[in-house]
Protein backbone atom coordinates (compact mmCIF):
# COMPACT_ATOMS: atom_id res chain seq x y z
CA MET A 1 0.00 0.00 0.00
CA THR A 2 1.35 3.42 -0.91
CA MET A 3 -1.26 5.64 0.76
CA GLN A 4 -3.30 5.97 3.93
CA VAL A 5 -6.83 7.31 3.48
CA THR A 6 -8.88 9.05 6.17
CA ALA A 7 -12.51 10.12 5.81
CA THR A 8 -13.27 13.64 6.99
CA ALA A 9 -16.41 14.82 8.81
CA ILE A 10 -18.00 14.74 5.34
CA ALA A 11 -17.38 11.11 4.39
CA ASP A 12 -17.05 11.74 0.62
CA VAL A 13 -14.11 14.11 1.15
CA LYS A 14 -10.94 12.18 1.91
CA LEU A 15 -7.47 13.03 3.20
CA ILE A 16 -4.69 11.02 1.62
CA LYS A 17 -1.27 10.53 3.17
CA PRO A 18 1.23 8.86 0.85
CA ASP A 19 3.88 6.53 2.17
CA VAL A 20 7.09 8.55 1.86
CA PHE A 21 10.45 6.81 1.55
CA GLY A 22 13.34 9.06 2.46
CA ASP A 23 16.96 9.09 3.47
CA GLU A 24 19.91 11.50 3.40
CA ARG A 25 19.53 11.77 -0.42
CA GLY A 26 15.94 13.01 -0.33
CA PHE A 27 12.59 11.24 -0.65
CA PHE A 28 10.29 9.35 -3.01
CA PHE A 29 6.54 8.73 -2.97
CA GLU A 30 3.77 7.88 -5.41
CA SER A 31 1.59 10.97 -5.65
CA PHE A 32 -1.10 9.05 -7.52
CA ASN A 33 -1.88 5.40 -8.17
CA GLN A 34 -5.12 4.71 -10.08
CA ARG A 35 -5.73 1.25 -8.60
CA GLU A 36 -5.21 2.36 -5.00
CA PHE A 37 -7.18 5.56 -5.51
CA ALA A 38 -10.16 3.61 -6.86
CA SER A 39 -9.93 0.98 -4.13
CA LEU A 40 -9.19 3.13 -1.08
CA VAL A 41 -10.70 6.52 -1.94
CA ASN A 42 -13.54 6.03 -4.39
CA GLY A 43 -15.27 2.81 -3.33
CA GLY A 44 -13.67 0.70 -6.05
CA GLU A 45 -14.78 2.99 -8.85
CA ALA A 46 -12.10 4.30 -11.22
CA VAL A 47 -11.80 8.04 -11.69
CA GLU A 48 -10.46 9.54 -14.87
CA PHE A 49 -8.46 12.72 -14.44
CA VAL A 50 -8.34 14.87 -17.59
CA GLN A 51 -6.47 18.01 -16.54
CA ASP A 52 -3.62 18.98 -14.19
CA ASN A 53 -3.40 22.53 -12.84
CA HIS A 54 -0.62 24.37 -11.00
CA SER A 55 -0.94 27.71 -9.19
CA ARG A 56 1.44 29.80 -7.15
CA SER A 57 0.11 32.29 -4.63
CA ALA A 58 1.52 34.66 -2.02
CA LYS A 59 0.71 34.62 1.70
CA GLY A 60 -2.89 35.58 2.43
CA VAL A 61 -4.21 34.87 -1.08
CA LEU A 62 -7.56 33.13 -0.84
CA ARG A 63 -8.91 31.35 -3.91
CA GLY A 64 -12.50 30.10 -3.84
CA LEU A 65 -15.02 28.87 -3.18
CA HIS A 66 -15.11 27.63 -6.79
CA TYR A 67 -17.12 24.99 -8.64
CA GLN A 68 -18.63 24.32 -12.05
CA ILE A 69 -22.42 23.91 -12.16
CA ARG A 70 -22.05 21.77 -15.32
CA GLN A 71 -19.01 19.66 -16.08
CA ALA A 72 -18.64 19.23 -12.32
CA GLN A 73 -15.04 18.63 -11.36
CA GLY A 74 -13.66 16.25 -8.80
CA LYS A 75 -10.28 17.54 -7.61
CA LEU A 76 -7.29 15.76 -6.13
CA VAL A 77 -5.28 18.58 -4.54
CA ARG A 78 -1.84 18.89 -2.97
CA VAL A 79 0.85 21.43 -2.14
CA ILE A 80 4.44 21.09 -3.40
CA ALA A 81 5.86 24.27 -1.82
CA GLY A 82 4.60 26.10 1.27
CA GLU A 83 1.31 25.53 3.09
CA VAL A 84 -2.40 26.18 2.55
CA PHE A 85 -5.60 25.67 4.48
CA ASP A 86 -7.77 23.77 2.01
CA VAL A 87 -11.59 23.68 2.20
CA ALA A 88 -14.41 21.69 0.61
CA VAL A 89 -18.08 22.73 0.98
CA ASP A 90 -20.91 20.31 0.22
CA ILE A 91 -23.29 22.04 -2.22
CA ARG A 92 -25.40 18.98 -3.10
CA LYS A 93 -28.91 20.11 -2.11
CA GLY A 94 -30.08 16.55 -1.37
CA SER A 95 -27.10 15.71 0.82
CA PRO A 96 -27.42 15.42 4.61
CA THR A 97 -24.23 17.52 4.84
CA PHE A 98 -25.42 20.28 2.47
CA GLY A 99 -23.80 23.61 3.40
CA GLN A 100 -21.22 22.00 5.70
CA TRP A 101 -17.48 22.32 5.22
CA VAL A 102 -14.28 20.48 6.02
CA GLY A 103 -10.76 21.84 5.97
CA ALA A 104 -7.18 20.65 6.38
CA LEU A 105 -3.67 22.04 6.30
CA LEU A 106 -1.87 20.75 3.21
CA SER A 107 1.84 21.41 2.90
CA ALA A 108 5.00 20.42 1.13
CA ASP A 109 6.18 19.03 4.47
CA ASN A 110 3.17 16.83 5.33
CA LYS A 111 2.56 15.81 1.68
CA MET A 112 -1.16 15.36 2.44
CA GLN A 113 -3.66 15.41 -0.39
CA MET A 114 -7.39 16.04 -0.34
CA TRP A 115 -9.96 14.41 -2.61
CA VAL A 116 -12.78 16.87 -3.29
CA PRO A 117 -15.45 14.98 -5.27
CA PRO A 118 -17.85 16.53 -7.78
CA GLY A 119 -20.67 18.34 -6.00
CA PHE A 120 -18.44 20.42 -3.74
CA ALA A 121 -17.19 24.01 -3.82
CA HIS A 122 -13.47 24.25 -3.19
CA GLY A 123 -11.09 26.91 -1.94
CA PHE A 124 -7.87 27.52 -0.09
CA VAL A 125 -5.89 30.26 1.64
CA VAL A 126 -2.10 30.45 1.69
CA THR A 127 -0.73 30.37 5.24
CA SER A 128 3.01 30.37 4.38
CA GLU A 129 5.00 33.11 2.61
CA SER A 130 3.93 31.54 -0.69
CA ALA A 131 2.60 28.19 -1.88
CA GLU A 132 2.51 26.12 -5.03
CA PHE A 133 -0.71 24.17 -5.38
CA LEU A 134 -1.26 21.25 -7.78
CA TYR A 135 -4.55 19.61 -8.60
CA LYS A 136 -5.94 17.03 -10.96
CA THR A 137 -9.52 17.45 -12.23
CA THR A 138 -12.06 14.96 -13.50
CA ASP A 139 -13.47 17.35 -16.10
CA TYR A 140 -12.17 20.25 -18.14
CA TRP A 141 -12.37 23.86 -17.03
CA ALA A 142 -15.37 25.63 -18.59
CA ARG A 143 -15.60 29.36 -17.93
CA GLU A 144 -19.31 29.46 -18.80
CA HIS A 145 -20.12 26.96 -16.03
CA GLU A 146 -17.78 28.35 -13.37
CA ARG A 147 -19.44 29.67 -10.20
CA CYS A 148 -18.18 31.14 -6.93
CA ILE A 149 -19.63 31.12 -3.42
CA ALA A 150 -18.55 33.83 -0.98
CA TRP A 151 -15.55 32.68 1.06
CA ASN A 152 -17.00 34.35 4.16
CA ASP A 153 -20.67 33.30 3.86
CA PRO A 154 -21.90 33.29 7.48
CA ALA A 155 -24.34 30.45 6.72
CA ILE A 156 -21.33 28.20 5.96
CA GLY A 157 -19.12 29.67 8.70
CA ILE A 158 -15.67 28.55 7.55
CA ASP A 159 -13.08 29.11 10.27
CA TRP A 160 -10.23 30.35 8.05
CA PRO A 161 -6.97 30.29 10.10
CA ILE A 162 -5.96 33.84 9.27
CA GLY A 163 -6.11 36.96 11.39
CA PHE A 164 -6.29 39.43 8.52
CA ALA A 165 -8.33 40.24 5.42
CA PRO A 166 -7.33 37.84 2.62
CA VAL A 167 -6.17 38.92 -0.82
CA LEU A 168 -9.01 38.18 -3.27
CA SER A 169 -9.54 38.28 -7.02
CA GLU A 170 -12.50 40.23 -8.40
CA LYS A 171 -14.30 36.93 -9.01
CA ASP A 172 -13.80 35.88 -5.38
CA ARG A 173 -14.87 39.30 -4.05
CA SER A 174 -18.12 38.84 -6.05
CA GLY A 175 -18.95 35.34 -4.77
CA LYS A 176 -22.62 34.67 -3.99
CA LEU A 177 -24.07 33.58 -0.69
CA LEU A 178 -24.95 29.88 -0.66
CA LYS A 179 -28.67 30.72 -0.40
CA ASP A 180 -28.44 32.64 -3.71
CA ALA A 181 -26.06 30.32 -5.55
CA GLU A 182 -26.80 27.66 -8.12
CA VAL A 183 -26.20 24.30 -6.45
CA TYR A 184 -26.36 20.63 -7.37
CA PRO A 185 -29.60 18.66 -6.85
């Protein structure tokens, strides 16, 4: 086995800790293994990733809460430099955890990954001086279907671990409250 999988408070969102092999030369780990991912993370069902994305952000940059209302994307996310607080919000109207969130610190040091399945809004804030964030998606980016929920929606109540106003893009400053947003059935 090359990974340890832990369910979060929202069972569909998983934290993945790879087995890391290291010595004085450095380290090695499998960042993705289709068979193990299907078996341990996704109930035996294979997931096809179609796009890899890479972003770099400075301390205090908050990206999210993003999702696509059509061409819903599952995301396997990780950090290769620095640290972020990563968040998934259940926006599946019929779900018993609708409107609830889970979050975890992902860093280059802990090498943790988070599986954010389709049906969730996703976001993160950079808690280190900068961070490089990688993620695989299960569908292609489609600007016309992209939506954004307000990062600070009081109905969701995310406890972002920052003591200052985050740096936001125009899109993220214009995010809708969950009660006004398009959501999944």
